[in-house]
Amino acid sequence: MRTAFAVSNASVDTLRALNYSPFLECFRQPRGGKNSTRLGEMLSAVGPAYGTVFTRIDCQPSHGVELISQSDMFSAEPAGRVVRPDSMARPERHQVQRWQVLIAGAGTLGETELFGRSIIADARLEGKYVGPDALALSFKEPGSVDSLYVYAFLCTDIGVSLMRSTSYGTKLLRFWTSAVRKLCIPDAEPAVKERVAKAIRTAVEKREKYSREIRAARRIIEDLPEVREVLLSCDDRKARFTISTGPFVTIGARNHATLGTARNKLDRLWRSRLGELMEPNGIYNGPRFARVTCSKPHGIDFLDQRDIFSIRPVARRIVEPAISRRLLYVSDSALLIASNGQLSEGTLFARVETAAFGIHRCGITQHILRLIPKPDEHDFLLGFLSSKIGGLLLKSTAVGTSIPMMHLGLLASLPCPHLNDANRAAVSNHVQAAIKARTASETAENEAVRIIEQEVLPSWLA
């Protein structure tokens, strides 16, 4: 839709960008006794590493730092590639600090694109390093009421449009940092800002709790003696071989030997198989289908592979395809696996997620593998398959060259550990605590955005 608007004072900022937003004019003038504040006045730094190009030199985790991409910033569990710190001229400028606001700074204006969207740096991101496509906003008072209020405002639809209005370029857009500093943030009553800040703090605390709990569940499995031995033997990157007497489900899985002879040991020690823990026909992919974009109230929310593993999914609205609901939707007890992609470090391939985080309410892309576990196996399998040893086993089922995908026969035959009752209960407790924490985090952040959209912006836009 095209938009026409008038500006009070024409300047290079208003005439430069085709993406200019009329909301900028609304927030520049005082409304109802309230003033707006320029974003730059609250910041100590705007993107110190933004646009800094460098050659990434990979290395062993013990010698490097974790570099996260734009997609990694919004991932529920950020996992970037490990590079040498001297790849960057000024590494300290790339390091993420707690309470920074990280903004996806390269992309297009597509409705579901990450470009212009913000995420606040919590313990999951703190200490990692961002590349040249991330714009980091550092506040003079990190974690203050005003800084958290600004973050919540930038998460609104209007906040995203204002950020995108500072972009320049044609095919791949980037931000003009001087224009970012001039963005006007509409003020609100102190009590309202306190409520917003409290909700954001809750969201951050619950996200961190989610991360701790899910890692604690995996640690119980990774502390098994045989698992520690296998992980130790697989630390070195080198070619491996395995000896098998069959049966041979396929001879096309060249990744089947990635664990070497350690896989044979696990097969002997762990008698249980993944297929045995599933409901009948409980391992399957979705079908290919046309995706026809539409607008609410028509259609359904649809999630692609990126959004399945995002801490804040941005669903696409499409016409509901004429396929079986079983192939389009899943129950909240389903496990979802990224089964198409690359095996390199930092990719989504073999990541595991549960549909309990609201994913069951959306349509799912065909690139996601569905696992429907038996009722008592969900928590155990989420902890096991999302652990390091689970990821290695899942990757060993990959077939193909350009875009590998998981072989369902090899997947069903994967060995699964046997846990005693105490360990099994502990895994379940941690997983359930993680699910509750992440759900509470999403609720709190949505509430902060709702307060601004319904209690602050109407008076400014009237």
Protein backbone atom coordinates (compact mmCIF):
# COMPACT_ATOMS: atom_id res chain seq x y z
CA MET A 1 0.00 0.00 0.00
CA ARG A 2 1.31 3.45 -0.90
CA THR A 3 1.28 6.24 1.69
CA ALA A 4 1.17 10.02 1.36
CA PHE A 5 2.13 12.31 4.25
CA ALA A 6 3.34 15.83 5.04
CA VAL A 7 6.38 16.90 7.07
CA SER A 8 6.73 20.10 9.07
CA ASN A 9 10.39 20.66 8.28
CA ALA A 10 11.76 19.04 5.15
CA SER A 11 15.35 17.88 5.54
CA VAL A 12 17.77 15.37 4.08
CA ASP A 13 16.33 12.83 6.55
CA THR A 14 12.81 13.20 5.17
CA LEU A 15 13.72 13.36 1.50
CA ARG A 16 16.43 10.72 1.48
CA ALA A 17 14.64 7.47 2.24
CA LEU A 18 11.85 5.79 0.34
CA ASN A 19 11.18 3.94 3.61
CA TYR A 20 10.49 7.13 5.58
CA SER A 21 7.69 6.62 8.14
CA PRO A 22 4.98 9.21 8.84
CA PHE A 23 5.04 8.13 12.50
CA LEU A 24 8.28 10.09 12.85
CA GLU A 25 6.32 13.34 12.46
CA CYS A 26 3.74 12.27 15.05
CA PHE A 27 6.38 11.71 17.72
CA ARG A 28 8.34 14.91 17.08
CA GLN A 29 5.58 17.20 18.38
CA PRO A 30 4.51 17.23 22.07
CA ARG A 31 1.15 15.57 22.72
CA GLY A 32 -1.02 15.92 25.83
CA GLY A 33 1.74 17.55 27.82
CA LYS A 34 4.17 14.74 27.00
CA ASN A 35 7.38 15.14 25.02
CA SER A 36 9.41 12.68 23.02
CA THR A 37 13.11 11.96 23.52
CA ARG A 38 15.69 11.42 20.81
CA LEU A 39 17.08 7.92 20.98
CA GLY A 40 20.68 9.16 20.68
CA GLU A 41 20.37 11.15 23.92
CA MET A 42 19.90 7.92 25.90
CA LEU A 43 22.71 5.98 24.21
CA SER A 44 26.41 5.77 24.91
CA ALA A 45 27.16 3.94 21.65
CA VAL A 46 25.33 3.05 18.44
CA GLY A 47 26.68 0.00 16.62
CA PRO A 48 30.42 0.32 17.37
CA ALA A 49 31.05 -2.81 15.24
CA TYR A 50 28.22 -2.28 12.75
CA GLY A 51 29.42 -2.57 9.16
CA THR A 52 32.91 -3.71 10.19
CA VAL A 53 33.87 -6.36 7.63
CA PHE A 54 36.43 -9.02 8.57
CA THR A 55 37.55 -12.49 7.52
CA ARG A 56 36.32 -15.18 9.88
CA ILE A 57 39.03 -17.66 10.86
CA ASP A 58 37.57 -20.81 12.41
CA CYS A 59 39.32 -22.54 15.30
CA GLN A 60 38.78 -24.94 18.19
CA PRO A 61 36.34 -23.77 20.90
CA SER A 62 39.10 -23.62 23.51
CA HIS A 63 41.01 -21.07 21.43
CA GLY A 64 38.24 -18.91 19.99
CA VAL A 65 35.11 -16.89 20.65
CA GLU A 66 31.53 -17.51 19.58
CA LEU A 67 30.40 -15.32 16.69
CA ILE A 68 26.63 -15.09 16.28
CA SER A 69 24.73 -14.10 13.16
CA GLN A 70 21.47 -12.15 12.92
CA SER A 71 19.47 -15.37 13.04
CA ASP A 72 21.46 -16.59 16.05
CA MET A 73 20.55 -13.43 17.99
CA PHE A 74 16.87 -14.36 17.79
CA SER A 75 17.39 -18.07 18.35
CA ALA A 76 16.00 -19.63 21.53
CA GLU A 77 19.45 -21.11 22.10
CA PRO A 78 22.05 -18.99 20.30
CA ALA A 79 24.86 -21.10 18.85
CA GLY A 80 27.26 -19.41 16.46
CA ARG A 81 30.52 -20.45 14.88
CA VAL A 82 33.79 -20.35 16.80
CA VAL A 83 36.39 -17.98 15.32
CA ARG A 84 39.73 -16.58 16.38
CA PRO A 85 39.32 -13.25 18.20
CA ASP A 86 42.13 -11.74 16.14
CA SER A 87 39.85 -12.12 13.10
CA MET A 88 38.42 -8.80 14.29
CA ALA A 89 40.45 -5.60 14.42
CA ARG A 90 38.70 -4.45 17.63
CA PRO A 91 37.13 -7.54 19.25
CA GLU A 92 35.86 -5.58 22.26
CA ARG A 93 33.53 -3.61 19.98
CA HIS A 94 31.85 -6.84 18.88
CA GLN A 95 31.34 -8.33 22.33
CA VAL A 96 27.74 -8.38 23.57
CA GLN A 97 27.07 -6.71 26.91
CA ARG A 98 24.09 -7.41 29.13
CA TRP A 99 21.07 -5.12 28.53
CA GLN A 100 22.25 -4.04 25.09
CA VAL A 101 19.53 -3.94 22.45
CA LEU A 102 20.61 -5.91 19.39
CA ILE A 103 18.90 -5.09 16.09
CA ALA A 104 19.03 -7.07 12.85
CA GLY A 105 20.81 -4.55 10.63
CA ALA A 106 20.88 -6.05 7.14
CA GLY A 107 18.04 -7.38 5.03
CA THR A 108 14.87 -6.47 3.21
CA LEU A 109 11.49 -4.98 4.15
CA GLY A 110 9.55 -8.24 3.93
CA GLU A 111 6.76 -8.54 6.49
CA THR A 112 8.36 -11.48 8.30
CA GLU A 113 12.01 -10.49 7.75
CA LEU A 114 14.27 -9.99 10.78
CA PHE A 115 15.56 -6.66 9.46
CA GLY A 116 14.71 -3.90 11.95
CA ARG A 117 13.63 -6.26 14.75
CA SER A 118 15.16 -5.99 18.21
CA ILE A 119 16.19 -8.41 20.96
CA ILE A 120 17.54 -7.55 24.39
CA ALA A 121 20.84 -9.13 25.45
CA ASP A 122 20.39 -11.49 28.39
CA ALA A 123 22.67 -14.19 29.81
CA ARG A 124 22.08 -16.35 26.70
CA LEU A 125 23.77 -13.71 24.52
CA GLU A 126 26.10 -11.98 26.97
CA GLY A 127 29.79 -12.46 26.17
CA LYS A 128 29.23 -13.66 22.62
CA TYR A 129 30.36 -11.61 19.61
CA VAL A 130 28.27 -10.08 16.84
CA GLY A 131 29.20 -9.64 13.20
CA PRO A 132 28.89 -6.57 10.97
CA ASP A 133 25.15 -7.05 10.35
CA ALA A 134 24.06 -6.52 13.97
CA LEU A 135 23.41 -3.01 15.28
CA ALA A 136 24.06 -2.92 19.04
CA LEU A 137 22.55 -0.08 21.08
CA SER A 138 24.35 0.59 24.36
CA PHE A 139 22.48 2.73 26.89
CA LYS A 140 24.02 5.23 29.29
CA GLU A 141 22.02 3.50 32.06
CA PRO A 142 21.86 -0.21 31.11
CA GLY A 143 18.85 -2.01 32.53
CA SER A 144 17.14 1.20 33.63
CA VAL A 145 13.40 1.82 33.31
CA ASP A 146 13.91 4.12 30.32
CA SER A 147 16.17 1.66 28.46
CA LEU A 148 13.71 -1.23 28.94
CA TYR A 149 10.81 1.00 27.89
CA VAL A 150 12.69 1.93 24.69
CA TYR A 151 13.33 -1.75 23.95
CA ALA A 152 9.63 -2.60 24.34
CA PHE A 153 8.72 0.32 22.06
CA LEU A 154 11.15 -0.90 19.38
CA CYS A 155 9.43 -4.32 19.54
CA THR A 156 6.07 -2.85 18.53
CA ASP A 157 5.02 -2.79 14.88
CA ILE A 158 5.48 0.99 14.84
CA GLY A 159 8.91 0.65 16.45
CA VAL A 160 9.99 -1.78 13.74
CA SER A 161 8.68 0.57 11.03
CA LEU A 162 10.62 3.49 12.56
CA MET A 163 13.83 1.46 12.60
CA ARG A 164 13.28 0.43 9.00
CA SER A 165 12.65 4.06 8.06
CA THR A 166 16.32 4.80 8.80
CA SER A 167 17.49 2.32 6.17
CA TYR A 168 19.17 3.03 2.87
CA GLY A 169 20.05 0.94 -0.16
CA THR A 170 18.09 -1.04 -2.72
CA LYS A 171 18.60 -4.81 -2.68
CA LEU A 172 20.14 -5.34 0.78
CA LEU A 173 19.24 -2.52 3.16
CA ARG A 174 21.33 -1.22 6.03
CA PHE A 175 20.81 1.45 8.72
CA TRP A 176 22.03 5.02 8.62
CA THR A 177 23.26 5.34 12.22
CA SER A 178 22.91 9.13 12.32
CA ALA A 179 19.21 8.71 11.47
CA VAL A 180 18.87 6.04 14.17
CA ARG A 181 20.15 8.54 16.76
CA LYS A 182 17.46 11.04 15.66
CA LEU A 183 14.54 8.65 16.17
CA CYS A 184 12.03 10.15 18.60
CA ILE A 185 10.72 7.88 21.37
CA PRO A 186 7.26 8.90 22.64
CA ASP A 187 7.14 9.48 26.38
CA ALA A 188 4.66 7.89 28.79
CA GLU A 189 3.55 8.29 32.39
CA PRO A 190 6.19 7.09 34.92
CA ALA A 191 3.81 4.41 36.26
CA VAL A 192 3.25 3.06 32.76
CA LYS A 193 6.97 2.94 32.04
CA GLU A 194 7.54 1.09 35.33
CA ARG A 195 4.98 -1.55 34.34
CA VAL A 196 6.64 -1.98 30.96
CA ALA A 197 10.12 -2.24 32.51
CA LYS A 198 8.90 -4.78 35.09
CA ALA A 199 7.45 -6.96 32.34
CA ILE A 200 10.68 -6.83 30.32
CA ARG A 201 12.75 -7.74 33.39
CA THR A 202 10.46 -10.70 33.97
CA ALA A 203 10.85 -11.75 30.33
CA VAL A 204 14.65 -11.62 30.63
CA GLU A 205 14.71 -13.54 33.93
CA LYS A 206 12.41 -16.26 32.59
CA ARG A 207 14.43 -16.64 29.38
CA GLU A 208 17.56 -17.14 31.44
CA LYS A 209 15.77 -19.66 33.64
CA TYR A 210 14.59 -21.52 30.53
CA SER A 211 18.19 -21.75 29.33
CA ARG A 212 19.44 -23.01 32.70
CA GLU A 213 16.72 -25.63 33.07
CA ILE A 214 17.02 -27.13 29.60
CA ARG A 215 20.81 -27.34 29.97
CA ALA A 216 20.37 -29.02 33.36
CA ALA A 217 18.12 -31.66 31.77
CA ARG A 218 20.74 -32.39 29.11
CA ARG A 219 23.55 -32.53 31.65
CA ILE A 220 21.97 -35.53 33.37
CA ILE A 221 22.24 -37.49 30.12
CA GLU A 222 25.66 -36.13 29.16
CA ASP A 223 27.03 -37.17 32.58
CA LEU A 224 26.38 -40.85 31.89
CA PRO A 225 29.78 -42.64 31.82
CA GLU A 226 29.34 -44.05 28.31
CA VAL A 227 28.22 -40.67 26.98
CA ARG A 228 31.24 -38.89 28.45
CA GLU A 229 33.49 -41.48 26.84
CA VAL A 230 31.84 -41.09 23.43
CA LEU A 231 31.92 -37.29 23.54
CA LEU A 232 35.59 -37.36 24.50
CA SER A 233 36.43 -39.63 21.57
CA CYS A 234 34.48 -37.40 19.14
CA ASP A 235 36.06 -34.09 20.14
CA ASP A 236 38.79 -34.25 17.51
CA ARG A 237 37.80 -33.39 13.95
CA LYS A 238 39.08 -36.26 11.86
CA ALA A 239 37.88 -38.95 9.47
CA ARG A 240 36.42 -42.03 11.16
CA PHE A 241 35.29 -45.48 10.13
CA THR A 242 32.87 -48.03 11.52
CA ILE A 243 32.33 -51.74 11.10
CA SER A 244 28.77 -53.01 10.79
CA THR A 245 27.30 -56.45 10.20
CA GLY A 246 23.91 -55.03 9.19
CA PRO A 247 21.08 -54.95 8.61
CA PHE A 248 21.79 -52.12 6.17
CA VAL A 249 18.85 -49.75 6.02
CA THR A 250 20.71 -47.69 3.41
CA ILE A 251 24.18 -47.51 1.91
CA GLY A 252 23.78 -43.84 1.01
CA ALA A 253 24.45 -42.38 4.46
CA ARG A 254 28.07 -41.30 4.28
CA ASN A 255 27.65 -39.53 7.64
CA HIS A 256 26.68 -42.78 9.36
CA ALA A 257 30.27 -43.36 10.46
CA THR A 258 30.81 -39.90 12.01
CA LEU A 259 30.85 -41.46 15.51
CA GLY A 260 33.22 -44.20 14.42
CA THR A 261 33.22 -47.34 16.53
CA ALA A 262 31.61 -45.40 19.40
CA ARG A 263 28.26 -45.91 17.70
CA ASN A 264 28.71 -49.69 17.88
CA LYS A 265 29.33 -49.37 21.60
CA LEU A 266 26.16 -47.36 22.14
CA ASP A 267 24.18 -49.89 20.11
CA ARG A 268 25.37 -52.63 22.47
CA LEU A 269 24.83 -50.68 25.71
CA TRP A 270 21.51 -49.04 24.82
CA ARG A 271 18.90 -51.62 23.82
CA SER A 272 16.08 -49.12 23.38
CA ARG A 273 15.54 -47.63 19.90
CA LEU A 274 14.01 -44.29 19.01
CA GLY A 275 11.29 -45.86 16.86
CA GLU A 276 10.11 -47.92 19.82
CA LEU A 277 9.43 -44.76 21.85
CA MET A 278 7.21 -43.24 19.17
CA GLU A 279 3.50 -43.54 18.54
CA PRO A 280 2.61 -45.66 15.46
CA ASN A 281 3.78 -43.82 12.33
CA GLY A 282 5.15 -41.16 14.67
CA ILE A 283 8.19 -40.17 12.56
CA TYR A 284 7.34 -38.25 9.40
CA ASN A 285 7.98 -35.15 7.31
CA GLY A 286 5.41 -32.70 6.01
CA PRO A 287 4.45 -32.52 2.31
CA ARG A 288 5.35 -29.81 -0.18
CA PHE A 289 2.57 -27.32 -0.84
CA ALA A 290 2.00 -23.85 -2.27
CA ARG A 291 2.09 -20.98 0.23
CA VAL A 292 -0.36 -18.24 -0.71
CA THR A 293 0.04 -15.09 1.37
CA CYS A 294 -3.06 -13.46 2.88
CA SER A 295 -4.03 -11.12 5.71
CA LYS A 296 -5.95 -11.56 8.97
CA PRO A 297 -8.64 -12.57 9.73
CA HIS A 298 -8.19 -14.93 6.79
CA GLY A 299 -5.77 -17.83 6.67
CA ILE A 300 -3.49 -19.35 9.32
CA ASP A 301 -0.19 -18.53 10.99
CA PHE A 302 2.64 -20.45 9.36
CA LEU A 303 6.15 -21.00 10.73
CA ASP A 304 9.26 -21.76 8.70
CA GLN A 305 12.39 -23.52 9.95
CA ARG A 306 13.98 -20.31 11.31
CA ASP A 307 10.92 -19.37 13.37
CA ILE A 308 10.49 -22.83 14.88
CA PHE A 309 13.74 -22.28 16.80
CA SER A 310 13.27 -18.56 17.45
CA ILE A 311 12.71 -17.06 20.90
CA ARG A 312 10.13 -14.73 19.32
CA PRO A 313 8.68 -16.26 16.12
CA VAL A 314 7.36 -14.00 13.36
CA ALA A 315 4.62 -16.05 11.78
CA ARG A 316 3.66 -15.67 8.14
CA ARG A 317 -0.03 -15.50 7.25
CA ILE A 318 -1.03 -17.90 4.47
CA VAL A 319 -4.18 -19.45 3.04
CA GLU A 320 -4.74 -22.81 4.75
CA PRO A 321 -3.56 -25.43 2.24
CA ALA A 322 -5.81 -28.34 1.29
CA ILE A 323 -3.76 -31.03 3.01
CA SER A 324 -4.32 -33.29 6.00
CA ARG A 325 -4.29 -31.46 9.35
CA ARG A 326 -1.92 -34.16 10.66
CA LEU A 327 0.63 -33.11 8.04
CA LEU A 328 0.20 -29.37 8.66
CA TYR A 329 -0.24 -29.14 12.45
CA VAL A 330 1.17 -31.03 15.41
CA SER A 331 0.06 -31.55 19.00
CA ASP A 332 1.74 -29.70 21.88
CA SER A 333 3.58 -32.91 22.84
CA ALA A 334 5.32 -33.25 19.46
CA LEU A 335 9.06 -32.83 18.98
CA LEU A 336 10.29 -30.92 15.95
CA ILE A 337 13.69 -31.42 14.29
CA ALA A 338 15.41 -29.30 11.65
CA SER A 339 15.97 -32.12 9.17
CA ASN A 340 17.06 -30.21 6.05
CA GLY A 341 20.23 -28.12 5.88
CA GLN A 342 23.98 -28.14 6.28
CA LEU A 343 26.12 -30.00 8.80
CA SER A 344 28.49 -27.11 9.42
CA GLU A 345 28.92 -25.46 12.81
CA GLY A 346 26.22 -23.04 13.93
CA THR A 347 23.50 -24.24 11.53
CA LEU A 348 19.98 -25.31 12.51
CA PHE A 349 20.37 -28.87 11.19
CA ALA A 350 19.57 -31.46 13.95
CA ARG A 351 18.22 -28.80 16.35
CA VAL A 352 15.30 -30.10 18.41
CA GLU A 353 12.33 -28.14 19.75
CA THR A 354 9.05 -28.96 21.45
CA ALA A 355 5.71 -27.78 20.09
CA ALA A 356 4.66 -26.88 23.65
CA PHE A 357 5.90 -23.30 23.11
CA GLY A 358 2.77 -22.39 21.14
CA ILE A 359 4.03 -23.93 17.91
CA HIS A 360 1.12 -26.38 17.90
CA ARG A 361 -1.22 -23.49 17.08
CA CYS A 362 0.54 -22.79 13.74
CA GLY A 363 1.09 -24.56 10.46
CA ILE A 364 4.57 -26.12 10.13
CA THR A 365 6.92 -26.10 7.14
CA GLN A 366 7.71 -29.37 5.37
CA HIS A 367 11.40 -28.90 6.22
CA ILE A 368 10.67 -29.82 9.84
CA LEU A 369 10.67 -33.49 10.86
CA ARG A 370 7.83 -34.45 13.19
CA LEU A 371 8.31 -36.86 16.09
CA ILE A 372 5.21 -37.94 18.02
CA PRO A 373 6.50 -39.65 21.18
CA LYS A 374 4.51 -41.87 23.50
CA PRO A 375 2.89 -39.88 26.35
CA ASP A 376 5.60 -40.60 28.95
CA GLU A 377 8.57 -40.11 26.61
CA HIS A 378 8.30 -36.42 25.62
CA ASP A 379 10.44 -34.91 28.38
CA PHE A 380 13.11 -37.59 28.24
CA LEU A 381 13.42 -37.42 24.45
CA LEU A 382 13.57 -33.62 24.40
CA GLY A 383 16.44 -33.70 26.89
CA PHE A 384 18.23 -36.52 25.08
CA LEU A 385 17.84 -35.50 21.45
CA SER A 386 18.70 -31.83 22.14
CA SER A 387 21.87 -32.79 24.02
CA LYS A 388 25.28 -32.92 22.38
CA ILE A 389 25.26 -36.70 22.03
CA GLY A 390 21.70 -36.55 20.67
CA GLY A 391 22.76 -34.00 18.06
CA LEU A 392 25.68 -36.16 16.95
CA LEU A 393 23.41 -39.18 16.58
CA LEU A 394 20.85 -37.18 14.60
CA LYS A 395 23.51 -35.82 12.26
CA SER A 396 24.74 -39.35 11.62
CA THR A 397 21.41 -40.09 9.88
CA ALA A 398 21.97 -37.42 7.20
CA VAL A 399 21.86 -38.48 3.55
CA GLY A 400 22.52 -36.35 0.49
CA THR A 401 25.21 -33.92 -0.56
CA SER A 402 24.10 -30.38 -1.37
CA ILE A 403 21.24 -30.18 1.17
CA PRO A 404 21.38 -33.25 3.44
CA MET A 405 18.22 -34.59 5.03
CA MET A 406 17.61 -37.24 7.67
CA HIS A 407 16.93 -40.83 6.66
CA LEU A 408 13.81 -41.98 8.53
CA GLY A 409 14.96 -45.60 8.71
CA LEU A 410 18.29 -44.64 10.30
CA LEU A 411 16.48 -42.24 12.60
CA ALA A 412 14.12 -44.91 13.93
CA SER A 413 17.08 -47.21 14.67
CA LEU A 414 19.02 -44.68 16.78
CA PRO A 415 19.91 -46.07 20.24
CA CYS A 416 18.43 -44.33 23.29
CA PRO A 417 19.87 -44.47 26.83
CA HIS A 418 18.13 -46.12 29.74
CA LEU A 419 17.78 -43.83 32.78
CA ASN A 420 16.92 -44.94 36.28
CA ASP A 421 13.71 -43.58 37.81
CA ALA A 422 15.47 -40.80 39.74
CA ASN A 423 17.34 -39.46 36.68
CA ARG A 424 14.28 -39.77 34.49
CA ALA A 425 12.20 -37.78 37.00
CA ALA A 426 14.93 -35.14 37.26
CA VAL A 427 15.03 -34.72 33.46
CA SER A 428 11.25 -34.34 33.37
CA ASN A 429 11.27 -31.76 36.18
CA HIS A 430 13.90 -29.65 34.41
CA VAL A 431 12.13 -29.86 31.05
CA GLN A 432 8.76 -28.88 32.53
CA ALA A 433 10.37 -25.97 34.41
CA ALA A 434 11.99 -24.83 31.14
CA ILE A 435 8.66 -24.95 29.29
CA LYS A 436 6.92 -22.93 32.03
CA ALA A 437 9.72 -20.36 32.15
CA ARG A 438 9.80 -19.78 28.42
CA THR A 439 6.01 -19.51 28.24
CA ALA A 440 6.07 -16.95 31.07
CA SER A 441 8.82 -15.03 29.27
CA GLU A 442 6.80 -14.78 26.08
CA THR A 443 3.70 -13.71 28.03
CA ALA A 444 5.60 -10.97 29.87
CA GLU A 445 7.21 -9.52 26.73
CA ASN A 446 3.88 -9.58 24.88
CA GLU A 447 2.31 -7.72 27.81
CA ALA A 448 4.99 -5.00 27.66
CA VAL A 449 4.34 -4.50 23.96
CA ARG A 450 0.57 -4.50 24.54
CA ILE A 451 0.84 -1.75 27.16
CA ILE A 452 2.67 0.52 24.74
CA GLU A 453 0.40 -0.26 21.78
CA GLN A 454 -2.85 0.16 23.71
CA GLU A 455 -2.05 2.65 26.49
CA VAL A 456 0.72 4.88 25.10
CA LEU A 457 0.53 5.13 21.31
CA PRO A 458 -3.21 5.93 20.86
CA SER A 459 -2.84 9.36 22.51
CA TRP A 460 0.16 10.16 20.33
CA LEU A 461 -1.46 9.04 17.10
CA ALA A 462 -4.91 10.56 17.70
